[in-house]
């Protein structure tokens, strides 16, 4: 249900295709698993690395030959990186103990 809502919102708000949204959300899921494993082992959340990996992978799927297509691709690349970073942040925020 949330994937469908995410697809509708990103299509209407940012003109992001459904395949790109599903790809970004699946990246968010798998990279969140990697981030939570790294957080559990080191107590440091690798949000920067996770978002950069997602931006590289999404950048390979959103290419455009014209100037307007490049700007649109950059917007979608940042949006997908933000989705993955938010997902990893929410996932990794729960298992870490609060400092006293």
PDB file of N, CA and C in Angstrom:
ATOM      1  N   UNK A   1       0.822  -1.189   0.000  1.00  0.00           N
ATOM      2  CA  UNK A   1       0.000   0.000   0.000  1.00  0.00           C
ATOM      3  C   UNK A   1       0.870   1.259   0.000  1.00  0.00           C
ATOM      4  N   UNK A   2       1.925   1.271   0.825  1.00  0.00           N
ATOM      5  CA  UNK A   2       2.793   2.448   0.874  1.00  0.00           C
ATOM      6  C   UNK A   2       3.571   2.647  -0.416  1.00  0.00           C
ATOM      7  N   UNK A   3       3.912   1.547  -1.083  1.00  0.00           N
ATOM      8  CA  UNK A   3       4.617   1.661  -2.362  1.00  0.00           C
ATOM      9  C   UNK A   3       3.718   2.321  -3.394  1.00  0.00           C
ATOM     10  N   UNK A   4       2.446   1.969  -3.400  1.00  0.00           N
ATOM     11  CA  UNK A   4       1.496   2.566  -4.344  1.00  0.00           C
ATOM     12  C   UNK A   4       1.326   4.052  -4.055  1.00  0.00           C
ATOM     13  N   UNK A   5       1.207   4.406  -2.795  1.00  0.00           N
ATOM     14  CA  UNK A   5       1.093   5.818  -2.419  1.00  0.00           C
ATOM     15  C   UNK A   5       2.364   6.572  -2.801  1.00  0.00           C
ATOM     16  N   UNK A   6       3.525   5.962  -2.572  1.00  0.00           N
ATOM     17  CA  UNK A   6       4.783   6.583  -2.959  1.00  0.00           C
ATOM     18  C   UNK A   6       4.888   6.799  -4.452  1.00  0.00           C
ATOM     19  N   UNK A   7       4.436   5.833  -5.225  1.00  0.00           N
ATOM     20  CA  UNK A   7       4.460   5.961  -6.689  1.00  0.00           C
ATOM     21  C   UNK A   7       3.551   7.083  -7.162  1.00  0.00           C
ATOM     22  N   UNK A   8       2.367   7.182  -6.571  1.00  0.00           N
ATOM     23  CA  UNK A   8       1.423   8.228  -6.970  1.00  0.00           C
ATOM     24  C   UNK A   8       1.966   9.606  -6.605  1.00  0.00           C
ATOM     25  N   UNK A   9       2.491   9.744  -5.398  1.00  0.00           N
ATOM     26  CA  UNK A   9       2.983  11.047  -4.947  1.00  0.00           C
ATOM     27  C   UNK A   9       4.187  11.495  -5.777  1.00  0.00           C
ATOM     28  N   UNK A  10       5.150  10.607  -6.017  1.00  0.00           N
ATOM     29  CA  UNK A  10       6.328  11.013  -6.791  1.00  0.00           C
ATOM     30  C   UNK A  10       5.986  11.270  -8.257  1.00  0.00           C
ATOM     31  N   UNK A  11       4.978  10.591  -8.789  1.00  0.00           N
ATOM     32  CA  UNK A  11       4.561  10.858 -10.172  1.00  0.00           C
ATOM     33  C   UNK A  11       3.878  12.210 -10.276  1.00  0.00           C
ATOM     34  N   UNK A  12       2.963  12.504  -9.362  1.00  0.00           N
ATOM     35  CA  UNK A  12       2.230  13.759  -9.432  1.00  0.00           C
ATOM     36  C   UNK A  12       3.079  14.953  -9.018  1.00  0.00           C
ATOM     37  N   UNK A  13       3.898  14.782  -8.004  1.00  0.00           N
ATOM     38  CA  UNK A  13       4.652  15.904  -7.456  1.00  0.00           C
ATOM     39  C   UNK A  13       5.943  16.183  -8.228  1.00  0.00           C
ATOM     40  N   UNK A  14       6.668  15.121  -8.637  1.00  0.00           N
ATOM     41  CA  UNK A  14       7.998  15.298  -9.213  1.00  0.00           C
ATOM     42  C   UNK A  14       8.141  14.724 -10.616  1.00  0.00           C
ATOM     43  N   UNK A  15       7.075  14.184 -11.189  1.00  0.00           N
ATOM     44  CA  UNK A  15       7.089  13.567 -12.514  1.00  0.00           C
ATOM     45  C   UNK A  15       8.131  12.448 -12.604  1.00  0.00           C
ATOM     46  N   UNK A  16       8.214  11.671 -11.545  1.00  0.00           N
ATOM     47  CA  UNK A  16       9.127  10.533 -11.485  1.00  0.00           C
ATOM     48  C   UNK A  16       8.356   9.293 -11.931  1.00  0.00           C
ATOM     49  N   UNK A  17       8.942   8.520 -12.829  1.00  0.00           N
ATOM     50  CA  UNK A  17       8.216   7.362 -13.355  1.00  0.00           C
ATOM     51  C   UNK A  17       8.027   6.304 -12.266  1.00  0.00           C
ATOM     52  N   UNK A  18       7.081   5.432 -12.497  1.00  0.00           N
ATOM     53  CA  UNK A  18       6.767   4.393 -11.512  1.00  0.00           C
ATOM     54  C   UNK A  18       7.940   3.429 -11.352  1.00  0.00           C
ATOM     55  N   UNK A  19       8.600   3.095 -12.461  1.00  0.00           N
ATOM     56  CA  UNK A  19       9.754   2.182 -12.369  1.00  0.00           C
ATOM     57  C   UNK A  19      10.899   2.794 -11.560  1.00  0.00           C
ATOM     58  N   UNK A  20      11.146   4.085 -11.755  1.00  0.00           N
ATOM     59  CA  UNK A  20      12.198   4.755 -10.980  1.00  0.00           C
ATOM     60  C   UNK A  20      11.841   4.802  -9.500  1.00  0.00           C
ATOM     61  N   UNK A  21      10.575   5.032  -9.192  1.00  0.00           N
ATOM     62  CA  UNK A  21      10.145   5.068  -7.796  1.00  0.00           C
ATOM     63  C   UNK A  21      10.275   3.700  -7.140  1.00  0.00           C
ATOM     64  N   UNK A  22       9.847   2.662  -7.846  1.00  0.00           N
ATOM     65  CA  UNK A  22       9.973   1.306  -7.300  1.00  0.00           C
ATOM     66  C   UNK A  22      11.442   0.944  -7.132  1.00  0.00           C
ATOM     67  N   UNK A  23      12.277   1.347  -8.091  1.00  0.00           N
ATOM     68  CA  UNK A  23      13.719   1.096  -7.983  1.00  0.00           C
ATOM     69  C   UNK A  23      14.310   1.824  -6.776  1.00  0.00           C
ATOM     70  N   UNK A  24      13.924   3.085  -6.573  1.00  0.00           N
ATOM     71  CA  UNK A  24      14.429   3.855  -5.428  1.00  0.00           C
ATOM     72  C   UNK A  24      13.962   3.254  -4.106  1.00  0.00           C
ATOM     73  N   UNK A  25      12.710   2.824  -4.049  1.00  0.00           N
ATOM     74  CA  UNK A  25      12.208   2.232  -2.807  1.00  0.00           C
ATOM     75  C   UNK A  25      12.839   0.869  -2.531  1.00  0.00           C
ATOM     76  N   UNK A  26      13.106   0.091  -3.573  1.00  0.00           N
ATOM     77  CA  UNK A  26      13.784  -1.193  -3.353  1.00  0.00           C
ATOM     78  C   UNK A  26      15.233  -0.965  -2.947  1.00  0.00           C
ATOM     79  N   UNK A  27      15.874   0.062  -3.528  1.00  0.00           N
ATOM     80  CA  UNK A  27      17.221   0.421  -3.063  1.00  0.00           C
ATOM     81  C   UNK A  27      17.190   0.848  -1.601  1.00  0.00           C
ATOM     82  N   UNK A  28      16.168   1.602  -1.228  1.00  0.00           N
ATOM     83  CA  UNK A  28      16.044   2.039   0.164  1.00  0.00           C
ATOM     84  C   UNK A  28      15.944   0.838   1.093  1.00  0.00           C
ATOM     85  N   UNK A  29      15.199  -0.169   0.677  1.00  0.00           N
ATOM     86  CA  UNK A  29      15.047  -1.357   1.516  1.00  0.00           C
ATOM     87  C   UNK A  29      16.376  -2.096   1.662  1.00  0.00           C
ATOM     88  N   UNK A  30      17.021  -2.396   0.551  1.00  0.00           N
ATOM     89  CA  UNK A  30      18.252  -3.186   0.618  1.00  0.00           C
ATOM     90  C   UNK A  30      19.419  -2.411   1.238  1.00  0.00           C
ATOM     91  N   UNK A  31      19.527  -1.126   0.934  1.00  0.00           N
ATOM     92  CA  UNK A  31      20.602  -0.348   1.538  1.00  0.00           C
ATOM     93  C   UNK A  31      20.331  -0.058   3.010  1.00  0.00           C
ATOM     94  N   UNK A  32      19.073  -0.077   3.428  1.00  0.00           N
ATOM     95  CA  UNK A  32      18.757   0.043   4.860  1.00  0.00           C
ATOM     96  C   UNK A  32      19.231  -1.185   5.620  1.00  0.00           C
ATOM     97  N   UNK A  33      19.122  -2.340   4.978  1.00  0.00           N
ATOM     98  CA  UNK A  33      19.655  -3.554   5.611  1.00  0.00           C
ATOM     99  C   UNK A  33      21.166  -3.476   5.786  1.00  0.00           C
ATOM    100  N   UNK A  34      21.847  -2.950   4.771  1.00  0.00           N
ATOM    101  CA  UNK A  34      23.301  -2.779   4.869  1.00  0.00           C
ATOM    102  C   UNK A  34      23.637  -1.759   5.954  1.00  0.00           C
ATOM    103  N   UNK A  35      22.882  -0.655   5.988  1.00  0.00           N
ATOM    104  CA  UNK A  35      23.150   0.395   6.975  1.00  0.00           C
ATOM    105  C   UNK A  35      22.895  -0.076   8.397  1.00  0.00           C
ATOM    106  N   UNK A  36      21.851  -0.869   8.605  1.00  0.00           N
ATOM    107  CA  UNK A  36      21.574  -1.339   9.965  1.00  0.00           C
ATOM    108  C   UNK A  36      22.625  -2.348  10.413  1.00  0.00           C
ATOM    109  N   UNK A  37      23.150  -3.136   9.473  1.00  0.00           N
ATOM    110  CA  UNK A  37      24.239  -4.060   9.815  1.00  0.00           C
ATOM    111  C   UNK A  37      25.501  -3.282  10.213  1.00  0.00           C
ATOM    112  N   UNK A  38      25.808  -2.236   9.453  1.00  0.00           N
ATOM    113  CA  UNK A  38      26.982  -1.417   9.772  1.00  0.00           C
ATOM    114  C   UNK A  38      26.789  -0.653  11.076  1.00  0.00           C
ATOM    115  N   UNK A  39      25.580  -0.186  11.334  1.00  0.00           N
ATOM    116  CA  UNK A  39      25.304   0.521  12.586  1.00  0.00           C
ATOM    117  C   UNK A  39      25.425  -0.411  13.777  1.00  0.00           C
ATOM    118  N   UNK A  40      24.933  -1.625  13.638  1.00  0.00           N
ATOM    119  CA  UNK A  40      25.051  -2.589  14.732  1.00  0.00           C
ATOM    120  C   UNK A  40      26.491  -2.981  15.011  1.00  0.00           C
ATOM    121  N   UNK A  41      27.323  -3.002  13.988  1.00  0.00           N
ATOM    122  CA  UNK A  41      28.722  -3.407  14.179  1.00  0.00           C
ATOM    123  C   UNK A  41      29.598  -2.270  14.678  1.00  0.00           C
ATOM    124  N   UNK A  42      29.296  -1.027  14.263  1.00  0.00           N
ATOM    125  CA  UNK A  42      30.210   0.067  14.567  1.00  0.00           C
ATOM    126  C   UNK A  42      29.591   1.209  15.372  1.00  0.00           C
ATOM    127  N   UNK A  43      28.281   1.211  15.581  1.00  0.00           N
ATOM    128  CA  UNK A  43      27.557   2.316  16.231  1.00  0.00           C
ATOM    129  C   UNK A  43      27.677   3.631  15.472  1.00  0.00           C
ATOM    130  N   UNK A  44      27.997   3.581  14.194  1.00  0.00           N
ATOM    131  CA  UNK A  44      28.016   4.763  13.328  1.00  0.00           C
ATOM    132  C   UNK A  44      27.175   4.454  12.095  1.00  0.00           C
ATOM    133  N   UNK A  45      26.222   5.310  11.813  1.00  0.00           N
ATOM    134  CA  UNK A  45      25.322   5.074  10.685  1.00  0.00           C
ATOM    135  C   UNK A  45      25.934   5.640   9.406  1.00  0.00           C
ATOM    136  N   UNK A  46      26.105   4.836   8.363  1.00  0.00           N
ATOM    137  CA  UNK A  46      26.746   5.303   7.115  1.00  0.00           C
ATOM    138  C   UNK A  46      25.742   5.944   6.154  1.00  0.00           C
ATOM    139  N   UNK A  47      25.073   7.000   6.588  1.00  0.00           N
ATOM    140  CA  UNK A  47      24.045   7.613   5.745  1.00  0.00           C
ATOM    141  C   UNK A  47      24.633   8.264   4.499  1.00  0.00           C
ATOM    142  N   UNK A  48      25.782   8.889   4.616  1.00  0.00           N
ATOM    143  CA  UNK A  48      26.392   9.530   3.458  1.00  0.00           C
ATOM    144  C   UNK A  48      26.754   8.509   2.401  1.00  0.00           C
ATOM    145  N   UNK A  49      27.346   7.416   2.807  1.00  0.00           N
ATOM    146  CA  UNK A  49      27.726   6.380   1.851  1.00  0.00           C
ATOM    147  C   UNK A  49      26.507   5.737   1.212  1.00  0.00           C
ATOM    148  N   UNK A  50      25.471   5.511   1.992  1.00  0.00           N
ATOM    149  CA  UNK A  50      24.255   4.892   1.465  1.00  0.00           C
ATOM    150  C   UNK A  50      23.591   5.801   0.434  1.00  0.00           C
ATOM    151  N   UNK A  51      23.511   7.092   0.735  1.00  0.00           N
ATOM    152  CA  UNK A  51      22.863   8.000  -0.217  1.00  0.00           C
ATOM    153  C   UNK A  51      23.703   8.180  -1.473  1.00  0.00           C
ATOM    154  N   UNK A  52      25.024   8.156  -1.352  1.00  0.00           N
ATOM    155  CA  UNK A  52      25.878   8.272  -2.540  1.00  0.00           C
ATOM    156  C   UNK A  52      25.764   7.048  -3.435  1.00  0.00           C
ATOM    157  N   UNK A  53      25.691   5.870  -2.838  1.00  0.00           N
ATOM    158  CA  UNK A  53      25.515   4.650  -3.631  1.00  0.00           C
ATOM    159  C   UNK A  53      24.200   4.710  -4.392  1.00  0.00           C
ATOM    160  N   UNK A  54      23.155   5.148  -3.717  1.00  0.00           N
ATOM    161  CA  UNK A  54      21.854   5.224  -4.385  1.00  0.00           C
ATOM    162  C   UNK A  54      21.859   6.276  -5.486  1.00  0.00           C
ATOM    163  N   UNK A  55      22.537   7.391  -5.280  1.00  0.00           N
ATOM    164  CA  UNK A  55      22.590   8.418  -6.312  1.00  0.00           C
ATOM    165  C   UNK A  55      23.360   7.945  -7.535  1.00  0.00           C
ATOM    166  N   UNK A  56      24.417   7.181  -7.335  1.00  0.00           N
ATOM    167  CA  UNK A  56      25.161   6.638  -8.477  1.00  0.00           C
ATOM    168  C   UNK A  56      24.294   5.659  -9.258  1.00  0.00           C
ATOM    169  N   UNK A  57      23.598   4.772  -8.553  1.00  0.00           N
ATOM    170  CA  UNK A  57      22.755   3.795  -9.240  1.00  0.00           C
ATOM    171  C   UNK A  57      21.559   4.455  -9.920  1.00  0.00           C
ATOM    172  N   UNK A  58      20.950   5.430  -9.270  1.00  0.00           N
ATOM    173  CA  UNK A  58      19.824   6.120  -9.897  1.00  0.00           C
ATOM    174  C   UNK A  58      20.287   7.042 -11.024  1.00  0.00           C
ATOM    175  N   UNK A  59      21.478   7.593 -10.907  1.00  0.00           N
ATOM    176  CA  UNK A  59      22.020   8.427 -11.976  1.00  0.00           C
ATOM    177  C   UNK A  59      22.265   7.646 -13.253  1.00  0.00           C
ATOM    178  N   UNK A  60      22.561   6.372 -13.111  1.00  0.00           N
ATOM    179  CA  UNK A  60      22.761   5.530 -14.294  1.00  0.00           C
ATOM    180  C   UNK A  60      21.443   5.234 -15.002  1.00  0.00           C
ATOM    181  N   UNK A  61      20.335   5.317 -14.291  1.00  0.00           N
ATOM    182  CA  UNK A  61      19.041   5.008 -14.910  1.00  0.00           C
ATOM    183  C   UNK A  61      18.328   6.250 -15.427  1.00  0.00           C
ATOM    184  N   UNK A  62      18.709   7.441 -14.983  1.00  0.00           N
ATOM    185  CA  UNK A  62      18.016   8.669 -15.397  1.00  0.00           C
ATOM    186  C   UNK A  62      18.964   9.562 -16.177  1.00  0.00           C
ATOM    187  N   UNK A  63      19.194   9.227 -17.423  1.00  0.00           N
ATOM    188  CA  UNK A  63      20.049  10.042 -18.283  1.00  0.00           C
ATOM    189  C   UNK A  63      19.186  10.770 -19.291  1.00  0.00           C
ATOM    190  N   UNK A  64      19.663  11.929 -19.742  1.00  0.00           N
ATOM    191  CA  UNK A  64      18.933  12.675 -20.748  1.00  0.00           C
ATOM    192  C   UNK A  64      19.876  13.406 -21.684  1.00  0.00           C
ATOM    193  N   UNK A  65      19.556  13.472 -22.973  1.00  0.00           N
ATOM    194  CA  UNK A  65      20.458  14.111 -23.928  1.00  0.00           C
ATOM    195  C   UNK A  65      20.363  15.627 -23.948  1.00  0.00           C
ATOM    196  N   UNK A  66      19.228  16.199 -23.580  1.00  0.00           N
ATOM    197  CA  UNK A  66      19.059  17.642 -23.659  1.00  0.00           C
ATOM    198  C   UNK A  66      19.268  18.282 -22.293  1.00  0.00           C
ATOM    199  N   UNK A  67      19.384  19.608 -22.305  1.00  0.00           N
ATOM    200  CA  UNK A  67      19.622  20.350 -21.063  1.00  0.00           C
ATOM    201  C   UNK A  67      18.462  20.220 -20.092  1.00  0.00           C
ATOM    202  N   UNK A  68      17.234  20.278 -20.584  1.00  0.00           N
ATOM    203  CA  UNK A  68      16.079  20.141 -19.681  1.00  0.00           C
ATOM    204  C   UNK A  68      15.978  18.721 -19.134  1.00  0.00           C
ATOM    205  N   UNK A  69      16.360  17.730 -19.934  1.00  0.00           N
ATOM    206  CA  UNK A  69      16.337  16.347 -19.453  1.00  0.00           C
ATOM    207  C   UNK A  69      17.410  16.122 -18.394  1.00  0.00           C
ATOM    208  N   UNK A  70      18.540  16.801 -18.531  1.00  0.00           N
ATOM    209  CA  UNK A  70      19.607  16.675 -17.530  1.00  0.00           C
ATOM    210  C   UNK A  70      19.153  17.275 -16.204  1.00  0.00           C
ATOM    211  N   UNK A  71      18.503  18.429 -16.245  1.00  0.00           N
ATOM    212  CA  UNK A  71      18.008  19.043 -15.003  1.00  0.00           C
ATOM    213  C   UNK A  71      16.942  18.171 -14.345  1.00  0.00           C
ATOM    214  N   UNK A  72      16.077  17.578 -15.165  1.00  0.00           N
ATOM    215  CA  UNK A  72      15.058  16.679 -14.629  1.00  0.00           C
ATOM    216  C   UNK A  72      15.717  15.438 -14.019  1.00  0.00           C
ATOM    217  N   UNK A  73      16.741  14.904 -14.677  1.00  0.00           N
ATOM    218  CA  UNK A  73      17.453  13.737 -14.157  1.00  0.00           C
ATOM    219  C   UNK A  73      18.157  14.054 -12.843  1.00  0.00           C
ATOM    220  N   UNK A  74      18.730  15.252 -12.742  1.00  0.00           N
ATOM    221  CA  UNK A  74      19.383  15.639 -11.493  1.00  0.00           C
ATOM    222  C   UNK A  74      18.380  15.743 -10.361  1.00  0.00           C
ATOM    223  N   UNK A  75      17.198  16.275 -10.664  1.00  0.00           N
ATOM    224  CA  UNK A  75      16.152  16.382  -9.633  1.00  0.00           C
ATOM    225  C   UNK A  75      15.712  14.996  -9.163  1.00  0.00           C
ATOM    226  N   UNK A  76      15.520  14.074 -10.098  1.00  0.00           N
ATOM    227  CA  UNK A  76      15.115  12.723  -9.737  1.00  0.00           C
ATOM    228  C   UNK A  76      16.227  11.993  -8.985  1.00  0.00           C
ATOM    229  N   UNK A  77      17.466  12.250  -9.358  1.00  0.00           N
ATOM    230  CA  UNK A  77      18.604  11.630  -8.687  1.00  0.00           C
ATOM    231  C   UNK A  77      18.663  12.072  -7.224  1.00  0.00           C
ATOM    232  N   UNK A  78      18.484  13.360  -6.987  1.00  0.00           N
ATOM    233  CA  UNK A  78      18.485  13.862  -5.607  1.00  0.00           C
ATOM    234  C   UNK A  78      17.288  13.354  -4.819  1.00  0.00           C
ATOM    235  N   UNK A  79      16.141  13.261  -5.473  1.00  0.00           N
ATOM    236  CA  UNK A  79      14.947  12.749  -4.794  1.00  0.00           C
ATOM    237  C   UNK A  79      15.128  11.291  -4.396  1.00  0.00           C
ATOM    238  N   UNK A  80      15.662  10.479  -5.296  1.00  0.00           N
ATOM    239  CA  UNK A  80      15.902   9.069  -4.979  1.00  0.00           C
ATOM    240  C   UNK A  80      16.940   8.900  -3.883  1.00  0.00           C
ATOM    241  N   UNK A  81      17.994   9.704  -3.929  1.00  0.00           N
ATOM    242  CA  UNK A  81      18.993   9.656  -2.859  1.00  0.00           C
ATOM    243  C   UNK A  81      18.414  10.060  -1.522  1.00  0.00           C
ATOM    244  N   UNK A  82      17.518  11.039  -1.543  1.00  0.00           N
ATOM    245  CA  UNK A  82      16.847  11.442  -0.305  1.00  0.00           C
ATOM    246  C   UNK A  82      15.941  10.361   0.249  1.00  0.00           C
ATOM    247  N   UNK A  83      15.222   9.672  -0.636  1.00  0.00           N
ATOM    248  CA  UNK A  83      14.362   8.575  -0.192  1.00  0.00           C
ATOM    249  C   UNK A  83      15.173   7.479   0.490  1.00  0.00           C
ATOM    250  N   UNK A  84      16.290   7.135  -0.112  1.00  0.00           N
ATOM    251  CA  UNK A  84      17.125   6.068   0.452  1.00  0.00           C
ATOM    252  C   UNK A  84      17.745   6.512   1.767  1.00  0.00           C
ATOM    253  N   UNK A  85      18.217   7.757   1.821  1.00  0.00           N
ATOM    254  CA  UNK A  85      18.825   8.260   3.055  1.00  0.00           C
ATOM    255  C   UNK A  85      17.813   8.339   4.191  1.00  0.00           C
ATOM    256  N   UNK A  86      16.600   8.769   3.890  1.00  0.00           N
ATOM    257  CA  UNK A  86      15.553   8.837   4.919  1.00  0.00           C
ATOM    258  C   UNK A  86      15.199   7.440   5.412  1.00  0.00           C
ATOM    259  N   UNK A  87      15.099   6.489   4.481  1.00  0.00           N
ATOM    260  CA  UNK A  87      14.794   5.117   4.882  1.00  0.00           C
ATOM    261  C   UNK A  87      15.867   4.522   5.767  1.00  0.00           C
ATOM    262  N   UNK A  88      17.128   4.747   5.403  1.00  0.00           N
ATOM    263  CA  UNK A  88      18.227   4.222   6.213  1.00  0.00           C
ATOM    264  C   UNK A  88      18.289   4.915   7.574  1.00  0.00           C
ATOM    265  N   UNK A  89      18.018   6.204   7.600  1.00  0.00           N
ATOM    266  CA  UNK A  89      18.039   6.939   8.865  1.00  0.00           C
ATOM    267  C   UNK A  89      16.950   6.452   9.811  1.00  0.00           C
ATOM    268  N   UNK A  90      15.757   6.242   9.292  1.00  0.00           N
ATOM    269  CA  UNK A  90      14.660   5.759  10.130  1.00  0.00           C
ATOM    270  C   UNK A  90      14.918   4.337  10.619  1.00  0.00           C
ATOM    271  N   UNK A  91      15.517   3.538   9.775  1.00  0.00           N
ATOM    272  CA  UNK A  91      15.804   2.148  10.156  1.00  0.00           C
ATOM    273  C   UNK A  91      16.875   2.084  11.224  1.00  0.00           C
ATOM    274  N   UNK A  92      17.920   2.883  11.082  1.00  0.00           N
ATOM    275  CA  UNK A  92      19.056   2.797  11.993  1.00  0.00           C
ATOM    276  C   UNK A  92      18.846   3.576  13.281  1.00  0.00           C
ATOM    277  N   UNK A  93      17.859   4.429  13.331  1.00  0.00           N
ATOM    278  CA  UNK A  93      17.631   5.206  14.537  1.00  0.00           C
ATOM    279  C   UNK A  93      17.059   4.411  15.685  1.00  0.00           C
ATOM    280  N   UNK A  94      16.410   3.308  15.390  1.00  0.00           N
ATOM    281  CA  UNK A  94      15.737   2.523  16.444  1.00  0.00           C
ATOM    282  C   UNK A  94      16.671   1.629  17.243  1.00  0.00           C
ATOM    283  N   UNK A  95      17.617   0.910  16.649  1.00  0.00           N
ATOM    284  CA  UNK A  95      18.372  -0.065  17.447  1.00  0.00           C
ATOM    285  C   UNK A  95      19.470   0.536  18.311  1.00  0.00           C
ATOM    286  N   UNK A  96      19.865   1.795  18.045  1.00  0.00           N
ATOM    287  CA  UNK A  96      20.955   2.360  18.828  1.00  0.00           C
ATOM    288  C   UNK A  96      20.435   2.812  20.180  1.00  0.00           C
ATOM    289  N   UNK A  97      21.182   2.549  21.236  1.00  0.00           N
ATOM    290  CA  UNK A  97      20.731   2.957  22.568  1.00  0.00           C
ATOM    291  C   UNK A  97      20.862   4.468  22.756  1.00  0.00           C
ATOM    292  N   UNK A  98      19.986   5.011  23.546  1.00  0.00           N
ATOM    293  CA  UNK A  98      20.048   6.433  23.837  1.00  0.00           C
ATOM    294  C   UNK A  98      21.148   6.707  24.867  1.00  0.00           C
ATOM    295  N   UNK A  99      21.950   7.747  24.637  1.00  0.00           N
ATOM    296  CA  UNK A  99      22.991   8.054  25.624  1.00  0.00           C
ATOM    297  C   UNK A  99      22.383   8.644  26.892  1.00  0.00           C
ATOM    298  N   UNK A 100      22.953   8.282  28.006  1.00  0.00           N
ATOM    299  CA  UNK A 100      22.450   8.787  29.277  1.00  0.00           C
ATOM    300  C   UNK A 100      23.233   9.960  29.755  1.00  0.00           C
TER     301      UNK A 100
END
